[in-house]
Protein backbone atom coordinates (compact mmCIF):
# COMPACT_ATOMS: atom_id res chain seq x y z
CA MET A 1 84.47 78.68 77.24
CA LYS A 2 87.30 76.16 77.20
CA ILE A 3 90.78 77.50 77.94
CA LEU A 4 93.97 75.66 77.00
CA LEU A 5 97.46 76.68 78.12
CA ASP A 6 100.60 75.17 76.63
CA VAL A 7 103.77 76.16 78.51
CA ASP A 8 106.86 74.77 76.81
CA ARG A 9 110.42 76.09 76.50
CA LYS A 10 110.44 74.99 72.85
CA HIS A 11 108.12 77.90 71.92
CA GLU A 12 110.16 80.79 70.54
CA GLU A 13 107.43 83.39 71.14
CA THR A 14 104.01 83.65 72.74
CA SER A 15 101.04 83.38 70.40
CA VAL A 16 97.32 83.43 71.08
CA THR A 17 94.73 81.67 68.94
CA ILE A 18 91.00 81.99 69.58
CA HIS A 19 88.59 79.50 68.01
CA CYS A 20 84.96 80.66 68.15
CA MET A 21 81.67 80.22 66.30
CA GLU A 22 80.98 83.97 66.31
CA MET A 23 82.43 87.21 67.61
CA ASP A 24 80.72 88.27 70.82
CA ASP A 25 81.40 90.76 73.62
CA SER A 26 83.55 88.34 75.62
CA ILE A 27 85.83 87.75 72.60
CA LYS A 28 86.03 91.51 71.97
CA ASP A 29 87.00 92.03 75.62
CA ILE A 30 89.80 89.48 75.30
CA LEU A 31 91.09 91.09 72.09
CA ASP A 32 90.92 94.57 73.63
CA TYR A 33 92.85 93.36 76.67
CA LEU A 34 95.54 91.78 74.50
CA ASN A 35 95.81 94.91 72.33
CA GLN A 36 96.11 97.14 75.40
CA GLN A 37 99.08 95.12 76.60
CA LYS A 38 101.06 96.19 73.55
CA THR A 39 99.83 99.81 73.61
CA GLU A 40 100.91 101.18 76.97
CA PHE A 41 101.73 104.59 75.56
CA ILE A 42 101.88 106.65 72.39
CA VAL A 43 104.73 109.04 71.65
CA GLY A 44 103.57 112.60 71.06
CA LYS A 45 105.66 115.54 69.94
CA LYS A 46 105.15 119.11 71.14
CA GLY A 47 107.76 121.52 69.84
CA ASP A 48 111.14 119.81 70.13
CA GLN A 49 110.06 117.61 73.03
CA LYS A 50 108.68 114.09 72.86
CA HIS A 51 106.12 113.03 75.45
CA LEU A 52 104.76 109.64 76.47
CA LEU A 53 100.97 109.74 76.28
CA LYS A 54 98.77 107.13 77.91
CA PRO A 55 95.86 106.37 75.58
CA ASP A 56 93.37 106.77 78.45
CA HIS A 57 94.53 110.39 78.93
CA VAL A 58 93.84 111.33 75.30
CA HIS A 59 90.47 113.02 74.78
CA TYR A 60 90.48 112.47 71.03
CA PHE A 61 92.71 112.02 68.00
CA HIS A 62 92.20 114.42 65.11
CA SER A 63 93.75 114.46 61.66
CA GLU A 64 94.50 117.66 59.80
CA GLY A 65 95.82 116.78 56.36
CA ASP A 66 98.74 114.40 56.87
CA THR A 67 99.13 115.31 60.54
CA VAL A 68 97.47 113.44 63.40
CA LEU A 69 97.10 115.23 66.74
CA ALA A 70 96.29 113.82 70.17
CA ALA A 71 94.26 116.24 72.30
CA THR A 72 94.90 115.92 76.06
CA ALA A 73 94.46 118.08 79.15
CA GLU A 74 98.10 119.14 78.68
CA GLY A 75 97.53 120.30 75.09
CA ARG A 76 97.84 118.89 71.58
CA PHE A 77 100.61 116.57 70.54
CA LYS A 78 101.62 115.52 67.04
CA ILE A 79 101.79 111.74 66.75
CA ARG A 80 103.32 109.47 64.15
CA GLU A 81 100.45 106.96 63.81
CA LYS A 82 97.64 107.37 61.29
CA LEU A 83 94.01 107.17 62.44
CA TYR A 84 93.46 103.73 60.91
CA GLU A 85 96.53 102.45 62.80
CA LEU A 86 95.17 103.88 66.05
CA GLU A 87 91.84 102.16 65.44
CA GLU A 88 93.64 98.82 65.26
CA ILE A 89 95.62 99.24 68.49
CA LEU A 90 93.17 101.14 70.72
CA SER A 91 90.39 99.47 72.71
CA SER A 92 87.12 99.47 70.76
CA ARG A 93 85.37 99.66 74.13
CA LYS A 94 87.06 102.97 74.96
CA PHE A 95 87.63 104.65 71.60
CA ILE A 96 85.17 105.23 68.79
CA ARG A 97 85.42 106.73 65.32
CA LEU A 98 83.35 109.93 65.00
CA SER A 99 84.33 110.84 61.45
CA LYS A 100 87.06 110.26 58.89
CA SER A 101 89.20 112.71 60.85
CA VAL A 102 88.35 111.99 64.53
CA ILE A 103 88.62 109.09 66.97
CA ALA A 104 87.25 109.90 70.44
CA ASN A 105 87.81 108.51 73.93
CA LEU A 106 84.29 107.56 75.11
CA TYR A 107 85.23 108.28 78.72
CA GLU A 108 86.13 111.90 77.87
CA ILE A 109 82.81 112.70 76.18
CA SER A 110 80.50 114.94 78.17
CA HIS A 111 77.38 114.89 75.99
CA PHE A 112 75.95 114.77 72.46
CA GLU A 113 73.62 117.18 70.69
CA PRO A 114 71.82 116.63 67.40
CA SER A 115 73.30 118.88 64.76
CA PHE A 116 72.56 119.84 61.19
CA ASN A 117 72.00 117.23 58.44
CA GLY A 118 71.84 114.24 60.80
CA THR A 119 75.25 114.77 62.38
CA LEU A 120 75.99 114.87 66.10
CA SER A 121 77.82 117.58 67.98
CA VAL A 122 80.11 115.80 70.45
CA HIS A 123 81.12 117.77 73.54
CA PHE A 124 84.13 116.74 75.60
CA ARG A 125 84.72 117.29 79.30
CA SER A 126 87.54 119.64 78.33
CA GLY A 127 84.97 121.98 76.75
CA GLU A 128 86.11 121.17 73.20
CA LYS A 129 83.67 120.07 70.52
CA GLU A 130 83.89 117.84 67.44
CA TYR A 131 81.28 116.58 65.01
CA ALA A 132 80.27 113.00 64.28
CA SER A 133 79.46 112.54 60.61
CA ARG A 134 76.21 110.89 59.49
CA HIS A 135 78.13 107.86 58.29
CA TYR A 136 79.20 107.03 61.87
CA VAL A 137 76.10 108.12 63.84
CA ALA A 138 74.33 104.72 63.65
CA HIS A 139 77.42 102.91 64.93
CA ILE A 140 77.86 105.44 67.74
CA LYS A 141 74.25 104.95 68.79
CA GLU A 142 74.70 101.20 68.69
CA VAL A 143 77.81 101.36 70.84
CA LEU A 144 76.17 103.69 73.34
CA ARG A 145 72.90 101.80 73.11
CA ILE A 146 71.07 105.10 72.57
CA ASN A 147 68.52 103.45 70.30
CA ARG A 148 67.75 100.69 72.84
CA ARG A 149 64.09 100.46 73.81
CA ASP A 150 62.95 99.41 77.25
CA LYS A 151 60.88 96.26 77.14
């Protein structure tokens, strides 16, 4: 990998351009790192109070109608962002979509259990449970390398 750095006072803002033949894990790591730099915290509302939530402390994000909630050890917080916006700013190495209404922190998942109709029951360390829809199960297995065979 060739790295070029151009430091010049004429630049009005910092920009990053990556030229590559294909997207691989090293490129994804770089993108995740850059995205994390701009997402240090998410503002969550509980009652009349606003709290600063670190993404790593969120167990999962869940949408109920037009409302998106962040579930943490300290409780649930209403957040302003939509799930698709969270997907864009959160690390794809740490957060994964379980269904149309849930994005989970991989490091807060305790275990999985097969469920009805090809879905997965996802258990969190907090004791809470969500379901991964069939549409997302293959991607989850790919990310977790569950379907990897030993050679």
